[in-house]
Structures are given as structure tokens and as C-alpha cells.
């Protein structure tokens, strides 16, 4: 997705400002939005770099979880056009992923109560092997 795609979404100016200036946590991981088929789903990916790996040589779980958190945060902001924050984030790891591979996260909003959003996501490698799963509760923040 490019900047024009976001500017056509009807996002408030304060959120567009953050879209135009990618937050450092997203830049550090190199997360990129691949697709947003509707307001409840988002796919992002990032290249697995050696700097993200543990002594075994696979991507460290905290970095995988951070990519999940980036996906959930972007999905909630773009879908609801409001800021939110993580209340809980649970990750289950299924297999390792190694440098040079691409971690792809497919996230979706499953439910929304007044101030709470529940989302789930799956992570895959470039061969579509299931790497990890996550679910989260986000709290909507008051409008500025």
C-alpha cells in the first residue's frame, strides 16, 4: 500500500501524520503493509534479519511478538480511525523462522465492544508454513 491509499481512507489528520512518518518501532522491524482487503483484516510482512535472532539462529520470540503487535496496532488505527493501546498480547510459537526468510502476519478484528477490540493473527514463512499465532485485546483511547 502506498501513501495515496491511506490518504483515500478518510483518516483523521492526526492519524495521517503518523502514517506519513512511520513510527521508529515499525521502521526498526521493517514491517510493510501488504494488503488490507477490508476494514477488519490486514497483512504485513518483514524480512527476518540476523539482528533479530537468538543464539540458535532463529528469530527471537520477542521480535515475532513485536511484529504481531505492529500488525494489530496498524489494523486497529486504520480500521477504527482512532488510537488504541495493547491490553494483552498472547503468542504461541509453532516453528522457528530464520534469517533471509519473510515473516508474514495476517491479522483480523474478531469483535469490538465499546472500548475493547479483540483481534487474532497467524504468522507464516515464505513457504506458508505456520510460524506462530497471537491474539490480543486492545483498548480504544479517547479521541484527541
Protein backbone atom coordinates (compact mmCIF):
# COMPACT_ATOMS: atom_id res chain seq x y z
CA UNK A 1 0.00 0.00 0.00
CA UNK A 2 1.23 3.48 -0.71
CA UNK A 3 0.61 6.85 0.92
CA UNK A 4 -2.17 7.70 -1.53
CA UNK A 5 -4.06 4.56 -0.47
CA UNK A 6 -4.03 5.80 3.12
CA UNK A 7 -4.97 9.34 2.22
CA UNK A 8 -8.05 7.96 0.42
CA UNK A 9 -9.22 6.11 3.55
CA UNK A 10 -10.70 9.19 5.22
CA UNK A 11 -8.31 9.03 8.17
CA UNK A 12 -8.22 11.97 10.59
CA UNK A 13 -5.24 14.29 10.10
CA UNK A 14 -3.60 13.28 13.40
CA UNK A 15 -3.51 9.63 12.26
CA UNK A 16 -2.40 10.52 8.72
CA UNK A 17 0.52 12.38 10.29
CA UNK A 18 1.69 9.07 11.83
CA UNK A 19 1.13 7.20 8.56
CA UNK A 20 3.32 9.73 6.75
CA UNK A 21 6.01 9.45 9.46
CA UNK A 22 6.38 5.75 10.18
CA UNK A 23 6.97 5.16 13.92
CA UNK A 24 10.52 4.02 14.83
CA UNK A 25 9.28 0.65 16.16
CA UNK A 26 7.77 -0.17 12.75
CA UNK A 27 10.87 1.11 10.90
CA UNK A 28 13.21 -0.96 13.11
CA UNK A 29 11.44 -4.19 12.20
CA UNK A 30 10.93 -3.21 8.58
CA UNK A 31 7.22 -4.08 8.71
CA UNK A 32 5.35 -3.32 5.50
CA UNK A 33 1.62 -3.43 4.83
CA UNK A 34 0.98 -5.92 2.04
CA UNK A 35 -2.81 -5.89 1.89
CA UNK A 36 -5.91 -4.62 3.63
CA UNK A 37 -8.83 -6.35 1.88
CA UNK A 38 -11.40 -4.74 4.16
CA UNK A 39 -11.69 -2.78 7.41
CA UNK A 40 -11.26 -5.87 9.57
CA UNK A 41 -8.19 -7.53 8.02
CA UNK A 42 -4.57 -6.62 7.39
CA UNK A 43 -1.47 -8.42 6.12
CA UNK A 44 2.03 -7.19 6.90
CA UNK A 45 5.45 -8.70 6.35
CA UNK A 46 9.04 -8.18 7.35
CA UNK A 47 12.37 -9.66 6.38
CA UNK A 48 13.95 -11.77 9.13
CA UNK A 49 17.34 -10.17 9.80
CA UNK A 50 20.28 -11.72 11.71
CA UNK A 51 19.94 -8.90 14.29
CA UNK A 52 16.54 -10.34 15.27
CA UNK A 53 17.87 -13.83 16.00
CA UNK A 54 18.66 -15.77 19.17
CA UNK A 55 21.81 -17.90 19.74
CA UNK A 56 20.14 -20.84 17.93
CA UNK A 57 19.94 -18.65 14.84
CA UNK A 58 16.15 -18.31 14.59
CA UNK A 59 14.09 -15.15 15.04
CA UNK A 60 13.75 -14.42 18.75
CA UNK A 61 10.18 -14.73 20.06
CA UNK A 62 10.05 -11.18 21.34
CA UNK A 63 10.71 -9.85 17.85
CA UNK A 64 7.99 -12.09 16.40
CA UNK A 65 5.62 -10.79 19.06
CA UNK A 66 6.63 -7.21 18.25
CA UNK A 67 5.70 -7.78 14.59
CA UNK A 68 2.31 -9.12 15.75
CA UNK A 69 1.88 -6.00 17.91
CA UNK A 70 2.73 -3.76 14.94
CA UNK A 71 0.14 -5.55 12.81
CA UNK A 72 -2.55 -5.28 15.49
CA UNK A 73 -1.78 -1.61 16.15
CA UNK A 74 -1.88 -0.63 12.49
CA UNK A 75 -5.07 -2.65 11.90
CA UNK A 76 -6.88 -1.03 14.82
CA UNK A 77 -5.85 2.51 13.85
CA UNK A 78 -6.73 2.12 10.17
CA UNK A 79 -9.99 0.28 10.82
CA UNK A 80 -11.37 2.35 13.66
CA UNK A 81 -9.65 5.66 12.79
CA UNK A 82 -8.71 6.06 16.45
CA UNK A 83 -5.71 5.36 18.61
CA UNK A 84 -5.66 2.31 20.82
CA UNK A 85 -3.24 0.54 23.12
CA UNK A 86 -2.42 -3.09 23.88
CA UNK A 87 -4.06 -4.56 27.00
CA UNK A 88 -2.90 -8.14 26.48
CA UNK A 89 -0.99 -9.99 23.79
CA UNK A 90 -0.61 -13.77 23.77
CA UNK A 91 1.74 -15.51 21.36
CA UNK A 92 2.11 -19.23 20.66
CA UNK A 93 5.15 -20.36 18.64
CA UNK A 94 4.87 -23.32 16.29
CA UNK A 95 8.21 -23.49 14.44
CA UNK A 96 11.33 -21.35 14.01
CA UNK A 97 11.97 -18.90 11.20
CA UNK A 98 15.47 -17.99 10.06
CA UNK A 99 17.35 -15.02 8.56
CA UNK A 100 16.56 -14.31 4.93
CA UNK A 101 13.02 -15.64 5.27
CA UNK A 102 10.00 -13.35 5.28
CA UNK A 103 7.60 -13.29 8.23
CA UNK A 104 4.05 -12.57 7.06
CA UNK A 105 1.30 -11.75 9.55
CA UNK A 106 -2.38 -11.96 8.68
CA UNK A 107 -4.42 -10.16 11.35
CA UNK A 108 -8.14 -9.68 11.74
CA UNK A 109 -10.56 -8.00 14.10
CA UNK A 110 -12.95 -10.57 15.53
CA UNK A 111 -15.03 -8.41 17.84
CA UNK A 112 -15.38 -4.95 19.25
CA UNK A 113 -17.11 -3.90 22.41
CA UNK A 114 -17.48 -0.28 23.42
CA UNK A 115 -13.79 0.30 24.27
CA UNK A 116 -12.18 -3.11 23.64
CA UNK A 117 -11.14 -4.72 20.35
CA UNK A 118 -10.32 -8.44 20.17
CA UNK A 119 -8.01 -9.48 17.32
CA UNK A 120 -6.26 -12.66 16.19
CA UNK A 121 -3.39 -13.24 13.77
CA UNK A 122 -1.37 -16.00 12.16
CA UNK A 123 2.29 -15.78 11.11
CA UNK A 124 3.77 -17.64 8.17
CA UNK A 125 7.12 -18.01 6.46
CA UNK A 126 7.54 -17.53 2.71
CA UNK A 127 6.52 -21.18 2.14
CA UNK A 128 3.24 -20.55 4.06
CA UNK A 129 4.35 -22.76 6.97
CA UNK A 130 2.66 -21.68 10.19
CA UNK A 131 5.25 -19.98 12.43
CA UNK A 132 3.16 -18.53 15.27
CA UNK A 133 -0.32 -17.44 16.38
CA UNK A 134 -1.36 -14.49 18.50
CA UNK A 135 -4.43 -12.90 19.96
CA UNK A 136 -4.83 -9.58 21.66
CA UNK A 137 -7.17 -7.18 23.39
CA UNK A 138 -6.70 -3.52 22.56
CA UNK A 139 -8.34 -0.63 24.35
CA UNK A 140 -9.57 2.34 22.34
CA UNK A 141 -8.17 5.62 23.62
CA UNK A 142 -10.21 8.82 23.91
CA UNK A 143 -10.24 10.98 20.79
CA UNK A 144 -7.81 13.89 20.86
